[in-house]
Protein backbone atom coordinates (compact mmCIF):
# COMPACT_ATOMS: atom_id res chain seq x y z
CA MET A 1 -0.04 0.15 -0.17
CA ARG A 2 1.22 3.53 -0.84
CA PRO A 3 1.38 6.33 1.92
CA GLU A 4 -1.54 8.63 1.24
CA THR A 5 1.10 11.33 1.84
CA MET A 6 3.34 10.79 -1.04
CA LYS A 7 0.05 11.95 -2.77
CA VAL A 8 0.98 15.61 -1.03
CA PHE A 9 4.61 15.02 -2.58
CA ASP A 10 3.50 14.17 -6.10
CA ASP A 11 2.36 17.77 -6.01
CA LEU A 12 4.52 19.26 -4.05
CA ARG A 13 6.35 20.79 -6.46
CA ASN A 14 3.64 22.55 -8.43
CA LEU A 15 2.25 23.66 -5.45
CA ASN A 16 6.19 25.16 -4.58
CA VAL A 17 5.76 26.68 -7.25
CA LEU A 18 2.78 29.37 -6.51
CA THR A 19 4.52 29.17 -2.93
CA VAL A 20 7.37 31.24 -4.66
CA GLN A 21 5.94 32.97 -6.92
CA ASP A 22 3.91 34.26 -3.76
CA ALA A 23 6.60 34.89 -2.11
CA LYS A 24 7.80 37.02 -4.97
CA GLN A 25 5.19 39.16 -4.84
CA LYS A 26 5.63 40.47 -1.48
CA GLY A 27 8.79 41.57 -2.07
CA GLU A 28 10.65 37.97 -0.33
CA LYS A 29 14.14 37.26 -1.86
CA VAL A 30 14.99 33.66 -3.33
CA VAL A 31 18.21 32.54 -3.97
CA GLY A 32 19.24 29.13 -6.54
CA CYS A 33 21.41 26.91 -5.28
CA TYR A 34 23.16 23.85 -7.49
CA CYS A 35 25.37 21.81 -4.91
CA THR A 36 24.73 20.45 -1.30
CA TYR A 37 27.96 22.30 -0.90
CA SER A 38 25.99 25.45 -0.79
CA PRO A 39 25.42 26.61 2.84
CA GLN A 40 21.89 27.52 2.99
CA GLU A 41 22.20 28.92 6.79
CA LEU A 42 23.98 31.87 5.41
CA ILE A 43 20.98 32.45 2.79
CA LEU A 44 18.50 31.68 5.38
CA ALA A 45 20.49 34.23 7.59
CA ALA A 46 20.10 36.64 5.19
CA GLY A 47 16.15 36.56 5.02
CA ALA A 48 16.06 34.86 1.68
CA HIS A 49 14.65 31.61 0.74
CA SER A 50 17.12 29.13 -0.84
CA VAL A 51 15.21 26.39 -3.31
CA THR A 52 17.38 23.72 -5.43
CA LEU A 53 17.79 24.41 -8.92
CA CYS A 54 20.00 21.74 -10.09
CA GLY A 55 18.92 19.97 -13.47
CA THR A 56 16.88 16.31 -14.10
CA ARG A 57 15.21 15.93 -16.96
CA GLN A 58 16.08 15.81 -20.51
CA GLU A 59 13.46 17.97 -21.88
CA PRO A 60 16.44 21.23 -21.70
CA VAL A 61 19.74 19.40 -22.92
CA ALA A 62 18.72 20.07 -26.06
CA ALA A 63 18.53 23.83 -25.89
CA ALA A 64 21.92 23.72 -23.79
CA GLU A 65 23.88 21.65 -26.60
CA ARG A 66 23.78 24.86 -28.35
CA ASP A 67 26.05 26.31 -26.07
CA LEU A 68 28.00 23.26 -24.35
CA PRO A 69 29.55 20.41 -26.06
CA ARG A 70 27.79 17.50 -26.43
CA ASN A 71 29.95 15.04 -24.42
CA LEU A 72 29.28 16.62 -21.40
CA CYS A 73 27.56 15.68 -18.35
CA PRO A 74 23.19 15.78 -18.69
CA LEU A 75 23.30 17.02 -15.11
CA ILE A 76 24.89 19.81 -16.31
CA LYS A 77 23.56 20.24 -19.51
CA SER A 78 20.32 19.89 -17.65
CA SER A 79 20.81 22.99 -15.24
CA TYR A 80 21.73 25.19 -17.92
CA GLY A 81 19.19 24.51 -20.27
CA PHE A 82 16.72 25.53 -17.80
CA ALA A 83 18.47 28.91 -17.55
CA VAL A 84 18.25 29.70 -21.28
CA THR A 85 15.09 28.14 -21.77
CA GLY A 86 13.62 29.94 -19.02
CA LYS A 87 11.01 26.59 -18.23
CA CYS A 88 12.12 26.77 -14.90
CA PRO A 89 9.93 28.91 -12.42
CA TYR A 90 12.29 27.98 -9.82
CA PHE A 91 15.34 29.57 -11.47
CA GLU A 92 13.16 32.81 -13.09
CA ALA A 93 12.58 33.69 -9.55
CA ALA A 94 15.75 33.62 -8.11
CA ASP A 95 17.61 37.13 -7.58
CA LEU A 96 20.82 35.14 -6.69
CA LEU A 97 22.56 32.18 -7.89
CA VAL A 98 25.06 30.06 -5.55
CA ALA A 99 27.19 27.48 -7.13
CA GLU A 100 31.08 26.03 -6.38
CA THR A 101 33.82 24.90 -7.86
CA THR A 102 33.32 21.14 -7.81
CA CYS A 103 33.93 19.18 -10.95
CA ASP A 104 35.56 21.25 -14.02
CA GLY A 105 32.39 20.72 -16.03
CA LYS A 106 30.22 22.96 -14.03
CA LYS A 107 32.70 25.56 -13.03
CA LYS A 108 32.88 26.34 -17.05
CA MET A 109 29.00 26.16 -17.25
CA TYR A 110 28.77 28.81 -14.53
CA GLU A 111 30.96 30.98 -16.21
CA LEU A 112 27.88 31.17 -19.39
CA MET A 113 25.32 31.01 -16.51
CA SER A 114 26.30 34.05 -15.02
CA LYS A 115 26.04 36.46 -17.70
CA ILE A 116 22.36 35.83 -17.23
CA LYS A 117 21.79 36.08 -13.27
CA PRO A 118 24.06 37.48 -10.71
CA MET A 119 26.30 34.63 -9.31
CA HIS A 120 28.45 33.68 -6.34
CA THR A 121 31.15 31.13 -6.98
CA MET A 122 32.57 29.33 -3.77
CA ASN A 123 36.29 28.19 -4.44
CA LEU A 124 36.09 24.59 -2.65
CA PRO A 125 39.38 23.09 -1.58
CA GLN A 126 39.49 19.66 -3.54
CA SER A 127 41.06 17.68 -0.66
CA VAL A 128 39.43 17.99 3.09
CA GLN A 129 43.23 16.24 4.00
CA ALA A 130 44.47 19.44 2.94
CA GLU A 131 46.65 21.53 5.58
CA ASP A 132 44.94 24.84 4.97
CA ALA A 133 41.52 23.16 3.33
CA LEU A 134 39.70 24.21 6.42
CA GLU A 135 41.25 27.24 6.65
CA ALA A 136 40.02 28.17 2.85
CA TRP A 137 36.68 26.87 2.74
CA THR A 138 35.86 29.50 6.04
CA ARG A 139 37.43 32.07 4.48
CA GLU A 140 34.53 31.36 1.85
CA MET A 141 32.08 31.34 3.74
CA HIS A 142 32.46 34.68 5.09
CA ARG A 143 32.93 35.55 0.95
CA LEU A 144 29.32 34.76 0.50
CA LYS A 145 27.99 36.41 3.13
CA ASN A 146 29.61 39.68 2.74
CA TRP A 147 28.48 39.02 -0.97
CA LEU A 148 24.28 38.19 0.22
CA GLU A 149 24.82 41.38 2.71
CA GLU A 150 25.87 43.38 -0.07
CA LYS A 151 23.42 42.43 -2.46
CA PHE A 152 20.80 42.15 -0.15
CA GLY A 153 21.60 45.57 1.41
CA VAL A 154 21.26 42.95 4.95
CA GLU A 155 23.39 42.55 7.86
CA ILE A 156 23.92 38.72 8.89
CA THR A 157 24.51 38.37 12.42
CA GLU A 158 25.75 35.55 13.92
CA GLU A 159 22.39 35.06 15.71
CA LYS A 160 20.62 34.83 12.74
CA ILE A 161 22.94 32.44 11.18
CA ARG A 162 22.64 30.17 14.58
CA GLU A 163 19.25 30.14 14.29
CA SER A 164 19.22 28.91 10.30
CA ILE A 165 22.08 26.26 11.45
CA LYS A 166 19.38 24.72 14.27
CA LEU A 167 16.70 24.95 11.75
CA MET A 168 18.62 23.45 8.92
CA ASN A 169 19.74 20.88 11.52
CA ARG A 170 15.88 19.90 12.10
CA GLU A 171 15.57 19.54 8.37
CA ARG A 172 18.46 17.11 8.18
CA ASN A 173 17.18 15.24 11.25
CA ALA A 174 13.44 14.57 9.66
CA LEU A 175 15.11 13.72 6.36
CA ARG A 176 17.61 11.35 8.13
CA ARG A 177 14.25 9.85 10.13
CA LEU A 178 12.47 9.18 6.65
CA HIS A 179 15.52 7.37 5.22
CA ARG A 180 15.61 5.39 7.77
CA VAL A 181 12.47 3.81 7.20
CA THR A 182 13.33 1.72 4.73
CA GLN A 183 15.95 -0.44 7.35
CA VAL A 184 13.40 -2.87 8.05
CA LYS A 185 12.75 -5.87 5.89
CA PRO A 186 10.90 -5.86 3.34
CA ALA A 187 10.78 -1.59 2.93
CA PRO A 188 7.71 -0.27 3.51
CA ILE A 189 8.05 2.11 0.51
CA THR A 190 9.61 1.80 -2.64
CA GLY A 191 12.74 3.65 -3.74
CA VAL A 192 11.13 5.28 -6.46
CA ASP A 193 8.38 6.80 -3.79
CA LEU A 194 11.42 7.66 -1.13
CA LEU A 195 13.60 9.66 -3.93
CA VAL A 196 10.53 11.94 -4.91
CA SER A 197 9.73 12.75 -1.44
CA VAL A 198 13.21 13.89 -0.54
CA TRP A 199 13.71 15.24 -3.85
CA THR A 200 10.84 17.50 -3.89
CA LYS A 201 11.33 18.54 -0.83
CA GLY A 202 14.37 20.50 -2.19
CA PHE A 203 11.74 22.48 -3.65
CA ASN A 204 10.16 23.40 -0.34
CA ILE A 205 10.61 27.01 1.00
CA ASN A 206 8.96 27.43 3.75
CA LYS A 207 11.25 24.71 6.02
CA GLU A 208 8.64 24.31 8.96
CA ASP A 209 6.01 23.13 6.48
CA GLY A 210 8.08 21.08 4.92
CA ILE A 211 9.55 19.50 8.30
CA LYS A 212 5.74 18.55 9.24
CA LEU A 213 5.17 17.20 5.93
CA VAL A 214 8.66 14.53 6.08
CA GLU A 215 7.45 14.00 9.98
CA GLU A 216 3.57 13.17 8.80
CA LEU A 217 4.76 10.83 6.10
CA ILE A 218 6.73 9.10 8.35
CA ALA A 219 4.52 8.34 11.17
CA GLU A 220 2.37 7.15 8.42
CA ILE A 221 4.85 4.56 7.13
CA GLU A 222 5.39 3.93 10.56
CA GLU A 223 1.98 2.79 10.82
CA LEU A 224 1.64 0.72 7.72
CA THR A 225 5.40 -0.75 8.75
CA SER A 226 3.35 -2.44 12.40
CA ARG A 227 0.80 -3.74 10.00
CA GLY A 228 3.25 -5.55 7.93
CA SER A 229 2.67 -4.02 4.95
CA SER A 230 5.15 -3.66 1.91
CA PRO A 231 5.23 -3.43 -1.34
CA PHE A 232 8.02 -5.78 -1.78
CA ALA A 233 8.23 -9.42 -1.63
CA ALA A 234 9.74 -10.80 1.42
CA ASP A 235 12.82 -12.31 -0.58
CA ALA A 236 13.31 -8.39 -2.70
CA PRO A 237 16.95 -7.79 -2.97
CA ARG A 238 17.91 -4.50 -1.46
CA ILE A 239 19.88 -2.79 -2.61
CA LEU A 240 21.86 0.33 -2.31
CA LEU A 241 22.23 3.53 -4.51
CA THR A 242 25.64 4.99 -4.70
CA GLY A 243 27.19 7.53 -7.14
CA CYS A 244 26.35 10.36 -9.44
CA PRO A 245 22.74 12.42 -7.92
CA VAL A 246 19.38 11.50 -9.41
CA GLY A 247 16.27 13.84 -9.28
CA PHE A 248 12.22 13.40 -10.38
CA GLY A 249 13.15 13.02 -14.33
CA SER A 250 16.20 11.12 -13.63
CA GLU A 251 15.19 8.13 -11.71
CA LYS A 252 15.23 5.51 -14.42
CA VAL A 253 17.84 3.34 -13.02
CA VAL A 254 15.76 3.21 -9.85
CA LYS A 255 12.80 2.49 -11.72
CA LEU A 256 14.45 -0.22 -13.41
CA LEU A 257 15.99 -2.05 -10.49
CA GLU A 258 12.43 -1.81 -8.71
CA GLU A 259 10.57 -3.30 -11.92
CA CYS A 260 13.21 -6.16 -12.18
CA GLY A 261 12.17 -6.97 -8.38
CA ALA A 262 14.40 -5.43 -6.32
CA SER A 263 14.15 -2.53 -3.56
CA VAL A 264 16.30 0.08 -3.30
CA VAL A 265 16.56 1.02 0.48
CA ALA A 266 19.23 3.25 0.77
CA PHE A 267 20.71 6.51 -1.45
CA GLU A 268 24.41 7.32 -0.91
CA ASN A 269 24.75 10.21 -3.43
CA CYS A 270 24.66 13.55 -2.66
CA SER A 271 20.36 13.43 -3.53
CA GLY A 272 19.79 11.19 -0.52
CA TYR A 273 21.90 10.47 2.35
CA LYS A 274 25.13 12.07 1.72
CA ALA A 275 24.77 15.57 2.38
CA LEU A 276 22.36 14.65 6.08
CA ASP A 277 25.29 12.33 7.91
CA ARG A 278 26.67 15.07 9.03
CA LEU A 279 24.94 18.20 10.82
CA VAL A 280 26.64 21.61 11.81
CA ASP A 281 28.02 21.92 14.96
CA GLU A 282 25.81 23.90 17.34
CA ASP A 283 27.99 24.46 19.94
CA GLU A 284 27.72 28.47 20.79
CA SER A 285 31.88 28.35 21.74
CA LYS A 286 32.53 27.28 18.35
CA ASP A 287 32.90 29.90 15.67
CA VAL A 288 29.89 29.43 13.68
CA MET A 289 31.64 30.24 10.66
CA VAL A 290 34.05 27.56 11.23
CA ALA A 291 31.07 25.02 12.07
CA LEU A 292 29.86 25.81 8.70
CA ALA A 293 33.19 24.90 6.73
CA GLU A 294 33.48 21.68 8.78
CA LYS A 295 29.98 20.59 8.29
CA TYR A 296 29.85 21.41 4.21
CA LEU A 297 33.65 20.77 3.95
CA ASN A 298 33.46 17.37 4.48
CA ILE A 299 30.65 15.87 2.18
CA PRO A 300 32.46 13.08 0.72
CA CYS A 301 31.68 14.19 -2.82
CA SER A 302 34.23 12.33 -5.58
CA CYS A 303 35.28 15.69 -6.13
CA MET A 304 37.29 15.66 -3.65
CA ALA A 305 40.65 13.52 -3.70
CA PRO A 306 41.44 11.20 -1.63
CA ASN A 307 38.03 10.47 -0.64
CA GLU A 308 37.47 7.88 1.86
CA GLY A 309 34.72 9.49 3.61
CA ARG A 310 32.31 7.93 0.51
CA LEU A 311 33.99 4.63 1.61
CA ASP A 312 33.12 4.97 5.50
CA LEU A 313 29.73 6.02 4.66
CA ILE A 314 28.74 3.25 2.25
CA GLY A 315 30.23 0.76 4.32
CA ARG A 316 28.29 2.25 7.06
CA LEU A 317 25.08 2.27 4.92
CA ALA A 318 25.51 -1.24 3.82
CA SER A 319 25.07 -2.78 7.19
CA GLU A 320 22.36 -0.09 8.44
CA TYR A 321 20.08 -1.19 5.64
CA GLN A 322 21.26 -4.86 5.48
CA VAL A 323 21.95 -4.65 1.53
CA ASP A 324 22.19 -7.42 -0.93
CA GLY A 325 24.28 -5.75 -3.56
CA VAL A 326 25.66 -2.02 -4.47
CA VAL A 327 24.56 -0.51 -7.98
CA ASP A 328 27.35 2.59 -8.53
CA LEU A 329 25.72 4.77 -11.27
CA THR A 330 27.50 7.06 -13.21
CA TRP A 331 26.34 10.30 -15.73
CA GLN A 332 27.80 9.99 -18.70
CA ALA A 333 31.39 12.49 -18.75
CA CYS A 334 31.19 12.45 -15.05
CA HIS A 335 34.67 11.57 -14.78
CA THR A 336 35.65 11.54 -10.81
CA TYR A 337 32.83 9.64 -10.09
CA ASN A 338 33.33 7.36 -13.42
CA VAL A 339 37.36 7.14 -12.04
CA GLU A 340 36.25 6.76 -8.48
CA ALA A 341 34.22 3.58 -9.45
CA PHE A 342 37.71 1.46 -9.51
CA PHE A 343 38.07 2.38 -5.60
CA ILE A 344 34.08 1.58 -4.72
CA ARG A 345 34.18 -1.65 -6.95
CA ASP A 346 37.40 -2.92 -5.25
CA TYR A 347 35.41 -2.05 -1.35
CA VAL A 348 32.22 -3.27 -2.38
CA GLN A 349 33.39 -6.29 -3.50
CA GLY A 350 36.80 -6.79 -1.49
CA LYS A 351 35.78 -5.35 1.94
CA LEU A 352 31.88 -6.00 2.11
CA ASN A 353 31.78 -8.88 -0.03
CA LEU A 354 28.88 -7.40 -1.69
CA PRO A 355 27.77 -8.00 -5.24
CA TYR A 356 28.81 -4.33 -7.23
CA LEU A 357 26.95 -3.05 -10.87
CA HIS A 358 28.94 0.19 -12.26
CA LEU A 359 26.39 1.43 -14.69
CA GLU A 360 27.00 4.64 -16.99
CA THR A 361 24.11 6.07 -18.75
CA ASP A 362 22.70 9.88 -19.17
CA TYR A 363 18.93 11.13 -18.85
CA SER A 364 17.16 9.70 -22.23
CA GLU A 365 15.61 6.72 -22.54
CA SER A 366 17.56 4.92 -25.52
CA ASP A 367 19.50 3.06 -23.21
CA VAL A 368 16.77 1.10 -21.07
CA GLU A 369 16.74 -2.24 -22.24
CA GLN A 370 20.09 -2.40 -22.89
CA ILE A 371 20.39 -1.29 -18.54
CA ARG A 372 17.39 -3.82 -18.13
CA VAL A 373 19.57 -6.49 -18.79
CA ARG A 374 22.49 -6.28 -17.08
CA VAL A 375 20.23 -5.39 -13.56
CA GLN A 376 18.13 -8.75 -14.68
CA ALA A 377 21.63 -10.63 -14.56
CA PHE A 378 22.93 -8.52 -11.27
CA LEU A 379 19.70 -9.49 -9.61
CA GLU A 380 20.15 -13.13 -10.58
CA LEU A 381 23.57 -13.33 -9.24
CA ILE A 382 22.70 -11.81 -5.94
CA GLN A 383 19.46 -14.57 -5.98
CA GLU A 384 21.79 -17.31 -6.50
């Protein structure tokens, strides 16, 4: 049985469009973000709304390819395509954009996008272990704070930042609890529904309403769990999905896995648990900008080298969710995740002793049946 609350999430993206438009009519400010490294706390402390803009649909890719090379990551092309076509109401509503230097493709695309709307790009250190990484990233927090203050004509006080930290930590805790509902066997909710609920929540600009909605969904799922309700067979293979972010419109691999009889119970990627794993330290004796820098710098994205944090997170999730196999998804031309697949394969097969499948694809449907064959063979291997 599908949770009734999922009907609200199905409509949430469209409802959020109306909410954003209403906020704009009231003179409220909106800031668009493209990555989990963008500190929403500073945006909220500036009295603005933060909204996710990362592109996850195929439709705007063709428009993007008029300016960008075809052999570029579909996430980058989709994000840029939405910007140049004017078909994303959230991009249109954004007063400012916040970006970050994760991969080279995004970094250069942002140069083009900055000609459309005012953009601040944060210079992300490429190694957590570098001696001056935390100091450098803390400076970037200050740069963003100063830029927001100048653009919006406001003062971002320490008190406002600490209030925003507490609010964002509450939201992260709610989303962490939502992810954990699939730890039971069999999972009480599909991976597709978990993905939809978490992804559409990113378009919700009213944080309190969003937290309440997530908590309502959790309560309903827990009730279904108590009755033994599940959309899956008891022996359905439990899958952890790692790799590139997925969202509404780019969920074809998740759909294929579940159409073939698997249950996707854990999302390690940055659109899943990766950005939720660590909270911002709320200790008031700690410098608030350092606390923000520590949290965001330690997100284990493949742009970091080395990236031991990703292995650690995969290992913990594999154990906590009792997974039977790991699927590593790489979007075409995403070189950092593609190279890192070598280390992930060795870790999953050698250390965790679990079956591993690496898939490289894009947002189109052209290779669905080819992927289906590989997924079916992978699940047969698990069930032997």
